[in-house]
Amino acid sequence: MMFTNPFSFEGRIRRTEYGLSIIIFYAAAFIISLISPELMLVLQIPLYWFMLAQGAKRCHDRGNSGWFQIIPFYSLWMFFADSDNGINEYGPNPKGLGNQEEPSMDGQHQKPSSFQKQGVYKGINLNKSD
């Protein structure tokens, strides 16, 4: 589900949500600046907080710290690069790919990560059978 916690710095988001966040950010900034430049000064903080939080979650989806978004042109990489497969230290894959043990090409099962072995991430049960 998209935009469940848009101001939170925890978790992972897909490229689609990140792209929509960029559009929302620039559209809101443009509309607010047309209405009232003074209002724009007040609303800059929540707008930038929103964009930094969404950027951090996209960095998490790539398996990196949220601080990576301050690297010049890294936002382009976040927009076009695919997410890490499966569960990483920031949570399960938002696409659901690789969150459970899947057979590999040779018919053998892939070794589950330490997060998958535990079956729980931050109090969320990842085992669908329970």
Protein backbone atom coordinates (compact mmCIF):
# COMPACT_ATOMS: atom_id res chain seq x y z
CA MET A 1 0.00 0.00 0.00
CA MET A 2 1.44 3.34 -1.02
CA PHE A 3 1.90 6.39 1.20
CA THR A 4 1.03 4.64 4.46
CA ASN A 5 3.65 6.59 6.46
CA PRO A 6 4.94 9.33 4.13
CA PHE A 7 6.74 11.29 6.89
CA SER A 8 8.44 8.26 8.48
CA PHE A 9 12.09 7.44 7.80
CA GLU A 10 11.60 3.69 8.40
CA GLY A 11 10.85 0.98 5.88
CA ARG A 12 11.14 0.62 2.13
CA ILE A 13 9.25 2.02 -0.87
CA ARG A 14 9.12 1.12 -4.54
CA ARG A 15 10.23 3.27 -7.47
CA THR A 16 6.61 4.14 -8.27
CA GLU A 17 5.98 5.68 -4.85
CA TYR A 18 9.28 7.53 -5.01
CA GLY A 19 8.45 8.95 -8.45
CA LEU A 20 4.98 10.01 -7.30
CA SER A 21 6.56 11.63 -4.24
CA ILE A 22 8.78 13.76 -6.48
CA ILE A 23 5.76 14.83 -8.55
CA ILE A 24 3.73 15.65 -5.42
CA PHE A 25 6.63 17.62 -3.94
CA TYR A 26 7.14 19.83 -6.99
CA ALA A 27 3.42 20.26 -7.69
CA ALA A 28 2.70 21.28 -4.09
CA ALA A 29 5.66 23.67 -4.02
CA PHE A 30 4.57 25.27 -7.31
CA ILE A 31 0.91 25.66 -6.32
CA ILE A 32 1.73 27.02 -2.87
CA SER A 33 4.22 29.52 -4.29
CA LEU A 34 1.56 30.78 -6.73
CA ILE A 35 -1.00 31.22 -3.97
CA SER A 36 1.22 32.88 -1.42
CA PRO A 37 5.02 33.16 -1.26
CA GLU A 38 4.78 33.77 2.51
CA LEU A 39 2.87 30.50 2.91
CA MET A 40 5.63 28.74 0.99
CA LEU A 41 8.15 29.75 3.66
CA VAL A 42 6.00 28.11 6.34
CA LEU A 43 5.28 24.94 4.36
CA GLN A 44 8.85 24.34 3.18
CA ILE A 45 9.72 22.37 6.30
CA PRO A 46 6.97 19.72 5.95
CA LEU A 47 7.53 19.50 2.20
CA TYR A 48 11.25 18.89 2.59
CA TRP A 49 10.64 16.48 5.50
CA PHE A 50 8.28 14.51 3.22
CA MET A 51 10.83 14.37 0.42
CA LEU A 52 13.74 13.43 2.71
CA ALA A 53 11.68 10.66 4.35
CA GLN A 54 10.62 9.23 1.00
CA GLY A 55 14.21 9.43 -0.27
CA ALA A 56 15.50 7.62 2.82
CA LYS A 57 12.98 4.83 2.34
CA ARG A 58 13.99 4.49 -1.30
CA CYS A 59 17.65 4.28 -0.21
CA HIS A 60 16.61 1.55 2.23
CA ASP A 61 14.97 -0.34 -0.64
CA ARG A 62 18.34 -0.33 -2.38
CA GLY A 63 20.01 -1.63 0.82
CA ASN A 64 21.71 1.68 1.66
CA SER A 65 21.53 4.18 4.47
CA GLY A 66 19.22 7.17 3.98
CA TRP A 67 22.31 9.40 3.99
CA PHE A 68 23.11 8.18 0.48
CA GLN A 69 20.48 10.54 -0.91
CA ILE A 70 22.75 13.54 -0.31
CA ILE A 71 25.21 12.19 -2.88
CA PRO A 72 24.87 14.29 -6.05
CA PHE A 73 22.75 12.60 -8.74
CA TYR A 74 22.06 9.58 -6.50
CA SER A 75 18.34 10.39 -6.75
CA LEU A 76 18.51 9.44 -10.43
CA TRP A 77 19.99 6.10 -9.46
CA MET A 78 17.22 5.60 -6.90
CA PHE A 79 14.61 6.39 -9.53
CA PHE A 80 15.88 3.93 -12.15
CA ALA A 81 17.58 1.11 -10.19
CA ASP A 82 15.60 -1.89 -9.00
CA SER A 83 15.22 -2.79 -5.33
CA ASP A 84 17.11 -5.40 -3.36
CA ASN A 85 15.52 -8.80 -3.68
CA GLY A 86 14.03 -10.19 -0.49
CA ILE A 87 14.32 -8.96 3.04
CA ASN A 88 17.15 -6.60 3.98
CA GLU A 89 17.98 -4.88 7.26
CA TYR A 90 15.29 -2.24 6.58
CA GLY A 91 12.40 -4.64 6.08
CA PRO A 92 10.71 -6.88 3.52
CA ASN A 93 10.70 -6.11 -0.19
CA PRO A 94 7.66 -3.90 -0.93
CA LYS A 95 7.04 -5.85 -4.14
CA GLY A 96 6.99 -9.08 -2.15
CA LEU A 97 9.74 -10.59 -4.29
CA GLY A 98 12.09 -12.88 -2.42
CA ASN A 99 10.46 -12.36 0.96
CA GLN A 100 9.93 -16.12 1.28
CA GLU A 101 12.23 -18.98 0.38
CA GLU A 102 12.02 -19.64 -3.37
CA PRO A 103 13.45 -22.44 -5.51
CA SER A 104 16.46 -21.46 -7.60
CA MET A 105 17.08 -22.37 -11.25
CA ASP A 106 18.68 -25.73 -10.36
CA GLY A 107 15.66 -26.82 -8.28
CA GLN A 108 17.40 -26.30 -4.96
CA HIS A 109 16.01 -23.90 -2.41
CA GLN A 110 17.90 -20.68 -1.78
CA LYS A 111 19.44 -20.27 1.62
CA PRO A 112 17.19 -17.96 3.65
CA SER A 113 18.69 -14.81 5.14
CA SER A 114 18.99 -14.29 8.87
CA PHE A 115 15.81 -12.19 8.75
CA GLN A 116 13.94 -15.00 7.01
CA LYS A 117 15.23 -17.60 9.49
CA GLN A 118 13.77 -15.60 12.36
CA GLY A 119 10.50 -15.14 10.50
CA VAL A 120 9.87 -11.85 12.28
CA TYR A 121 10.96 -8.33 11.38
CA LYS A 122 10.33 -5.58 13.97
CA GLY A 123 7.40 -7.48 15.45
CA ILE A 124 5.83 -8.28 12.05
CA ASN A 125 5.32 -11.98 11.42
CA LEU A 126 6.65 -12.75 7.94
CA ASN A 127 5.40 -16.34 7.93
CA LYS A 128 2.17 -16.40 5.97
CA SER A 129 1.06 -19.76 7.41
CA ASP A 130 0.64 -18.42 10.98
